C-alpha atoms as a PDB file:
ATOM      1  CA  MET A   1      15.237  -3.572  38.460  1.00  0.00           C
ATOM      2  CA  THR A   2      11.724  -3.735  39.824  1.00  0.00           C
ATOM      3  CA  ARG A   3       8.879  -2.959  37.464  1.00  0.00           C
ATOM      4  CA  PRO A   4       5.706  -1.178  38.431  1.00  0.00           C
ATOM      5  CA  LEU A   5       2.881  -3.694  38.566  1.00  0.00           C
ATOM      6  CA  ARG A   6       0.772  -1.435  36.305  1.00  0.00           C
ATOM      7  CA  SER A   7       3.536  -1.619  33.661  1.00  0.00           C
ATOM      8  CA  ILE A   8       3.446  -5.443  33.776  1.00  0.00           C
ATOM      9  CA  ALA A   9      -0.352  -5.451  33.605  1.00  0.00           C
ATOM     10  CA  VAL A  10      -0.414  -3.134  30.582  1.00  0.00           C
ATOM     11  CA  HIS A  11       2.326  -5.187  28.909  1.00  0.00           C
ATOM     12  CA  GLU A  12       0.421  -8.487  29.266  1.00  0.00           C
ATOM     13  CA  ALA A  13      -2.932  -6.811  28.460  1.00  0.00           C
ATOM     14  CA  ALA A  14      -1.473  -5.523  25.192  1.00  0.00           C
ATOM     15  CA  HIS A  15      -0.211  -8.997  24.214  1.00  0.00           C
ATOM     16  CA  CYS A  16      -3.631 -10.405  25.098  1.00  0.00           C
ATOM     17  CA  ALA A  17      -5.692  -7.781  23.238  1.00  0.00           C
ATOM     18  CA  VAL A  18      -3.736  -8.282  20.039  1.00  0.00           C
ATOM     19  CA  ALA A  19      -3.975 -12.075  20.354  1.00  0.00           C
ATOM     20  CA  LEU A  20      -7.751 -11.855  20.926  1.00  0.00           C
ATOM     21  CA  GLY A  21      -8.071  -9.445  17.957  1.00  0.00           C
ATOM     22  CA  LEU A  22      -6.305 -12.072  15.837  1.00  0.00           C
ATOM     23  CA  GLY A  23      -8.753 -14.689  17.018  1.00  0.00           C
ATOM     24  CA  LEU A  24      -6.095 -16.721  18.828  1.00  0.00           C
ATOM     25  CA  PRO A  25      -7.381 -19.120  21.545  1.00  0.00           C
ATOM     26  CA  VAL A  26      -6.187 -17.299  24.704  1.00  0.00           C
ATOM     27  CA  GLU A  27      -6.398 -19.658  27.667  1.00  0.00           C
ATOM     28  CA  ARG A  28      -5.304 -17.179  30.333  1.00  0.00           C
ATOM     29  CA  VAL A  29      -3.392 -13.968  30.955  1.00  0.00           C
ATOM     30  CA  SER A  30      -1.517 -13.419  34.194  1.00  0.00           C
ATOM     31  CA  ILE A  31       0.713 -10.996  36.043  1.00  0.00           C
ATOM     32  CA  VAL A  32       1.779 -13.647  38.531  1.00  0.00           C
ATOM     33  CA  PRO A  33       5.576 -14.046  38.258  1.00  0.00           C
ATOM     34  CA  ASP A  34       6.923 -17.432  37.240  1.00  0.00           C
ATOM     35  CA  CYS A  35      10.460 -17.706  38.579  1.00  0.00           C
ATOM     36  CA  ASP A  36      11.047 -21.044  36.867  1.00  0.00           C
ATOM     37  CA  ARG A  37      10.510 -19.420  33.469  1.00  0.00           C
ATOM     38  CA  ASN A  38      11.926 -16.037  34.506  1.00  0.00           C
ATOM     39  CA  VAL A  39       8.813 -14.108  33.512  1.00  0.00           C
ATOM     40  CA  LEU A  40       6.816 -11.454  35.333  1.00  0.00           C
ATOM     41  CA  GLY A  41       3.610 -12.218  33.484  1.00  0.00           C
ATOM     42  CA  SER A  42       2.335 -14.295  30.618  1.00  0.00           C
ATOM     43  CA  VAL A  43      -0.391 -14.988  28.075  1.00  0.00           C
ATOM     44  CA  SER A  44      -0.994 -18.690  27.431  1.00  0.00           C
ATOM     45  CA  PHE A  45      -2.905 -20.266  24.596  1.00  0.00           C
ATOM     46  CA  GLN A  46      -5.116 -23.318  24.347  1.00  0.00           C
ATOM     47  CA  GLN A  47      -3.331 -26.151  22.604  1.00  0.00           C
ATOM     48  CA  PRO A  48      -4.977 -27.373  19.407  1.00  0.00           C
ATOM     49  CA  GLU A  49      -6.667 -30.727  19.719  1.00  0.00           C
ATOM     50  CA  ALA A  50      -4.856 -33.599  18.055  1.00  0.00           C
ATOM     51  CA  ARG A  51      -6.656 -34.939  15.014  1.00  0.00           C
ATOM     52  CA  ALA A  52      -6.689 -38.539  13.913  1.00  0.00           C
ATOM     53  CA  SER A  53      -4.859 -38.979  10.622  1.00  0.00           C
ATOM     54  CA  ASP A  54      -6.166 -41.003   7.740  1.00  0.00           C
ATOM     55  CA  GLY A  55      -2.649 -41.697   6.506  1.00  0.00           C
ATOM     56  CA  GLY A  56      -2.560 -38.557   4.361  1.00  0.00           C
ATOM     57  CA  GLY A  57      -1.786 -35.195   5.733  1.00  0.00           C
ATOM     58  CA  ALA A  58      -0.637 -31.644   5.375  1.00  0.00           C
ATOM     59  CA  HIS A  59       2.692 -32.650   3.813  1.00  0.00           C
ATOM     60  CA  GLU A  60       1.190 -34.029   0.644  1.00  0.00           C
ATOM     61  CA  PRO A  61       2.040 -31.832  -2.403  1.00  0.00           C
ATOM     62  CA  ALA A  62      -1.553 -30.694  -2.928  1.00  0.00           C
ATOM     63  CA  ALA A  63      -1.702 -29.396   0.637  1.00  0.00           C
ATOM     64  CA  MET A  64       1.612 -27.474   0.500  1.00  0.00           C
ATOM     65  CA  PRO A  65       0.180 -24.107  -0.711  1.00  0.00           C
ATOM     66  CA  ALA A  66      -2.412 -24.195   2.063  1.00  0.00           C
ATOM     67  CA  LEU A  67       0.333 -25.078   4.556  1.00  0.00           C
ATOM     68  CA  ALA A  68       2.458 -22.173   3.315  1.00  0.00           C
ATOM     69  CA  ILE A  69      -0.443 -19.762   3.666  1.00  0.00           C
ATOM     70  CA  PHE A  70      -1.197 -21.087   7.162  1.00  0.00           C
ATOM     71  CA  LEU A  71       2.448 -20.738   8.219  1.00  0.00           C
ATOM     72  CA  SER A  72       2.599 -17.206   6.785  1.00  0.00           C
ATOM     73  CA  ARG A  73      -0.513 -16.198   8.773  1.00  0.00           C
ATOM     74  CA  MET A  74       0.856 -17.755  11.917  1.00  0.00           C
ATOM     75  CA  LEU A  75       4.165 -15.935  11.501  1.00  0.00           C
ATOM     76  CA  GLN A  76       2.291 -12.662  11.029  1.00  0.00           C
ATOM     77  CA  ALA A  77       0.287 -13.316  14.198  1.00  0.00           C
ATOM     78  CA  ALA A  78       3.402 -14.250  16.173  1.00  0.00           C
ATOM     79  CA  ALA A  79       5.215 -11.136  14.991  1.00  0.00           C
ATOM     80  CA  LEU A  80       2.310  -8.882  15.956  1.00  0.00           C
ATOM     81  CA  VAL A  81       1.725 -10.447  19.372  1.00  0.00           C
ATOM     82  CA  SER A  82       5.438 -10.458  20.186  1.00  0.00           C
ATOM     83  CA  GLU A  83       5.730  -6.694  19.548  1.00  0.00           C
ATOM     84  CA  ALA A  84       2.521  -5.701  21.381  1.00  0.00           C
ATOM     85  CA  GLY A  85       3.784  -5.825  24.988  1.00  0.00           C
ATOM     86  CA  ALA A  86       6.545  -3.227  24.619  1.00  0.00           C
ATOM     87  CA  VAL A  87       4.287  -1.035  22.437  1.00  0.00           C
ATOM     88  CA  GLY A  88       1.585  -1.163  25.155  1.00  0.00           C
ATOM     89  CA  GLU A  89       4.082  -0.042  27.786  1.00  0.00           C
ATOM     90  CA  VAL A  90       5.177   2.921  25.684  1.00  0.00           C
ATOM     91  CA  LEU A  91       1.558   3.943  25.023  1.00  0.00           C
ATOM     92  CA  ALA A  92       0.937   3.863  28.801  1.00  0.00           C
ATOM     93  CA  GLY A  93       3.967   6.051  29.460  1.00  0.00           C
ATOM     94  CA  PHE A  94       6.331   3.396  30.758  1.00  0.00           C
ATOM     95  CA  GLU A  95       9.830   2.596  29.559  1.00  0.00           C
ATOM     96  CA  PRO A  96       9.741  -0.904  28.071  1.00  0.00           C
ATOM     97  CA  ALA A  97      12.295  -3.282  29.485  1.00  0.00           C
ATOM     98  CA  GLY A  98      11.656  -6.477  27.561  1.00  0.00           C
ATOM     99  CA  LEU A  99       9.921  -8.259  30.407  1.00  0.00           C
ATOM    100  CA  GLY A 100      11.287 -11.758  30.979  1.00  0.00           C
ATOM    101  CA  GLY A 101      10.520 -14.075  28.129  1.00  0.00           C
ATOM    102  CA  ASP A 102       9.696 -11.374  25.568  1.00  0.00           C
ATOM    103  CA  ALA A 103      13.244 -11.149  24.233  1.00  0.00           C
ATOM    104  CA  ASP A 104      13.319 -14.944  23.873  1.00  0.00           C
ATOM    105  CA  ASN A 105       9.895 -14.997  22.211  1.00  0.00           C
ATOM    106  CA  VAL A 106      10.848 -12.256  19.721  1.00  0.00           C
ATOM    107  CA  SER A 107      14.155 -14.013  19.031  1.00  0.00           C
ATOM    108  CA  ARG A 108      12.378 -17.343  18.408  1.00  0.00           C
ATOM    109  CA  CYS A 109       9.881 -15.592  16.152  1.00  0.00           C
ATOM    110  CA  CYS A 110      12.721 -13.964  14.179  1.00  0.00           C
ATOM    111  CA  ASP A 111      14.538 -17.329  13.884  1.00  0.00           C
ATOM    112  CA  LEU A 112      11.351 -19.080  12.759  1.00  0.00           C
ATOM    113  CA  VAL A 113      10.602 -16.463  10.084  1.00  0.00           C
ATOM    114  CA  TRP A 114      14.196 -16.816   8.870  1.00  0.00           C
ATOM    115  CA  GLU A 115      14.116 -20.617   8.825  1.00  0.00           C
ATOM    116  CA  LEU A 116      10.692 -20.926   7.118  1.00  0.00           C
ATOM    117  CA  VAL A 117      10.742 -18.100   4.605  1.00  0.00           C
ATOM    118  CA  GLY A 118      14.290 -16.738   4.619  1.00  0.00           C
ATOM    119  CA  VAL A 119      13.286 -13.250   5.765  1.00  0.00           C
ATOM    120  CA  GLU A 120      15.424 -11.331   8.205  1.00  0.00           C
ATOM    121  CA  ALA A 121      13.908  -9.539  11.223  1.00  0.00           C
ATOM    122  CA  TRP A 122      14.736  -6.026  10.010  1.00  0.00           C
ATOM    123  CA  GLN A 123      12.574  -6.687   6.953  1.00  0.00           C
ATOM    124  CA  TRP A 124       9.335  -7.163   8.913  1.00  0.00           C
ATOM    125  CA  GLN A 125       9.742  -6.247  12.596  1.00  0.00           C
ATOM    126  CA  ARG A 126       9.203  -2.488  12.142  1.00  0.00           C
ATOM    127  CA  LEU A 127       5.968  -3.192  10.283  1.00  0.00           C
ATOM    128  CA  ALA A 128       4.748  -5.566  12.995  1.00  0.00           C
ATOM    129  CA  ARG A 129       5.529  -2.986  15.670  1.00  0.00           C
ATOM    130  CA  GLY A 130       3.723  -0.273  13.687  1.00  0.00           C
ATOM    131  CA  GLU A 131       0.585  -2.353  13.211  1.00  0.00           C
ATOM    132  CA  ALA A 132       0.636  -3.392  16.902  1.00  0.00           C
ATOM    133  CA  GLU A 133       0.818   0.308  17.831  1.00  0.00           C
ATOM    134  CA  ARG A 134      -2.021   1.260  15.450  1.00  0.00           C
ATOM    135  CA  PHE A 135      -4.232  -1.540  16.752  1.00  0.00           C
ATOM    136  CA  LEU A 136      -3.504  -0.798  20.404  1.00  0.00           C
ATOM    137  CA  ARG A 137      -4.126   2.937  19.981  1.00  0.00           C
ATOM    138  CA  GLU A 138      -7.480   2.212  18.310  1.00  0.00           C
ATOM    139  CA  HIS A 139      -8.496  -0.204  21.046  1.00  0.00           C
ATOM    140  CA  TRP A 140      -6.738   1.354  24.065  1.00  0.00           C
ATOM    141  CA  PRO A 141      -9.879   1.292  26.279  1.00  0.00           C
ATOM    142  CA  ALA A 142      -9.989  -2.501  25.900  1.00  0.00           C
ATOM    143  CA  VAL A 143      -6.320  -2.777  26.873  1.00  0.00           C
ATOM    144  CA  GLN A 144      -6.971  -0.544  29.911  1.00  0.00           C
ATOM    145  CA  ARG A 145      -9.931  -2.721  30.982  1.00  0.00           C
ATOM    146  CA  LEU A 146      -7.731  -5.806  30.788  1.00  0.00           C
ATOM    147  CA  ALA A 147      -4.871  -4.152  32.681  1.00  0.00           C
ATOM    148  CA  SER A 148      -7.198  -2.880  35.412  1.00  0.00           C
ATOM    149  CA  ALA A 149      -8.749  -6.313  35.848  1.00  0.00           C
ATOM    150  CA  LEU A 150      -5.281  -7.884  35.970  1.00  0.00           C
ATOM    151  CA  MET A 151      -4.279  -5.434  38.728  1.00  0.00           C
ATOM    152  CA  ILE A 152      -7.184  -6.724  40.823  1.00  0.00           C
ATOM    153  CA  GLU A 153      -7.523 -10.377  39.806  1.00  0.00           C
ATOM    154  CA  ARG A 154      -3.880 -11.097  38.827  1.00  0.00           C
ATOM    155  CA  THR A 155      -4.949 -13.911  36.450  1.00  0.00           C
ATOM    156  CA  LEU A 156      -7.804 -13.875  33.977  1.00  0.00           C
ATOM    157  CA  THR A 157      -9.199 -16.785  32.028  1.00  0.00           C
ATOM    158  CA  GLY A 158      -9.411 -16.412  28.272  1.00  0.00           C
ATOM    159  CA  GLU A 159     -13.190 -16.244  28.603  1.00  0.00           C
ATOM    160  CA  ARG A 160     -12.950 -13.398  31.154  1.00  0.00           C
ATOM    161  CA  ALA A 161     -10.453 -11.542  28.921  1.00  0.00           C
ATOM    162  CA  ARG A 162     -12.819 -11.868  25.945  1.00  0.00           C
ATOM    163  CA  GLU A 163     -15.684 -10.494  28.065  1.00  0.00           C
ATOM    164  CA  LEU A 164     -13.577  -7.474  29.000  1.00  0.00           C
ATOM    165  CA  VAL A 165     -12.440  -6.556  25.514  1.00  0.00           C
ATOM    166  CA  GLY A 166     -15.645  -7.376  23.635  1.00  0.00           C
ATOM    167  CA  ASP A 167     -15.474  -7.878  19.910  1.00  0.00           C
ATOM    168  CA  LEU A 168     -12.165  -6.628  18.526  1.00  0.00           C
ATOM    169  CA  PRO A 169     -11.687  -6.401  14.787  1.00  0.00           C
ATOM    170  CA  LEU A 170      -8.909  -8.271  13.082  1.00  0.00           C
ATOM    171  CA  PRO A 171      -5.675  -6.230  12.943  1.00  0.00           C
ATOM    172  CA  ASP A 172      -4.704  -5.049   9.457  1.00  0.00           C
ATOM    173  CA  LEU A 173      -1.947  -7.423   8.383  1.00  0.00           C
ATOM    174  CA  ARG A 174      -1.691  -6.300   4.758  1.00  0.00           C
ATOM    175  CA  SER A 175       1.588  -4.358   5.104  1.00  0.00           C
ATOM    176  CA  LEU A 176       3.197  -7.089   7.172  1.00  0.00           C
ATOM    177  CA  ARG A 177       1.913  -9.781   4.790  1.00  0.00           C
ATOM    178  CA  GLY A 178       3.174  -7.777   1.810  1.00  0.00           C
ATOM    179  CA  ALA A 179       6.643  -7.389   3.346  1.00  0.00           C
ATOM    180  CA  LEU A 180       6.889 -11.092   4.242  1.00  0.00           C
ATOM    181  CA  ASP A 181       5.674 -12.119   0.793  1.00  0.00           C
ATOM    182  CA  TYR A 182       8.034  -9.706  -0.953  1.00  0.00           C
ATOM    183  CA  TRP A 183      11.139 -10.671   1.021  1.00  0.00           C
ATOM    184  CA  ALA A 184      10.269 -14.380   0.940  1.00  0.00           C
ATOM    185  CA  GLY A 185       9.922 -14.110  -2.849  1.00  0.00           C
ATOM    186  CA  ARG A 186      13.346 -12.495  -3.093  1.00  0.00           C
ATOM    187  CA  ALA A 187      14.874 -15.165  -0.880  1.00  0.00           C
ATOM    188  CA  ALA A 188      13.276 -17.921  -2.969  1.00  0.00           C
ATOM    189  CA  ALA A 189      14.569 -16.291  -6.181  1.00  0.00           C
ATOM    190  CA  ARG A 190      18.113 -16.158  -4.690  1.00  0.00           C
ATOM    191  CA  ALA A 191      17.837 -19.845  -3.721  1.00  0.00           C
ATOM    192  CA  ARG A 192      16.723 -20.776  -7.236  1.00  0.00           C
ATOM    193  CA  GLU A 193      19.642 -18.803  -8.741  1.00  0.00           C
ATOM    194  CA  ALA A 194      22.084 -20.532  -6.424  1.00  0.00           C
ATOM    195  CA  VAL A 195      20.822 -23.977  -7.523  1.00  0.00           C
ATOM    196  CA  ALA A 196      20.880 -23.114 -11.232  1.00  0.00           C
END
């Protein structure tokens, strides 16, 4: 089934707007199809720079709480960004069709949340979708600016995307964080009971 180009542009613009709102390092956003990856558009992120290690690291016991907090925040961001594309399409009046790699990305996100914190998708996905919708509704003009620019330019650098959206506030992750913390706590308690 062919998708209207505007639908693809809104979809990718929604992913990008949420990612920028979260402060993620967007490298580019594009509506140029990539047949090798079976996607109609994409948002790519700058890779973090490798840091020299002094022999210690994030896996030392003292660093574990910080690592857990970091992973929790990253999971929240991944959940929110993964839901944003389909939500953006609905808000623009299109029927979402899970463009290309979205289903794989959401599935990987669900698997990662399960593996790291023992929380099933149904326990957090609705909250992520709800916050993505709230954020996108509040900042719909920014999404529209991104989508319109994508329709003309096809690919935007992260810098150009940031210029178009301006300063976006951080999405409210409290309900998603609360759900992940609650269900992760329950999973940890079950694991402790099983060992005892």
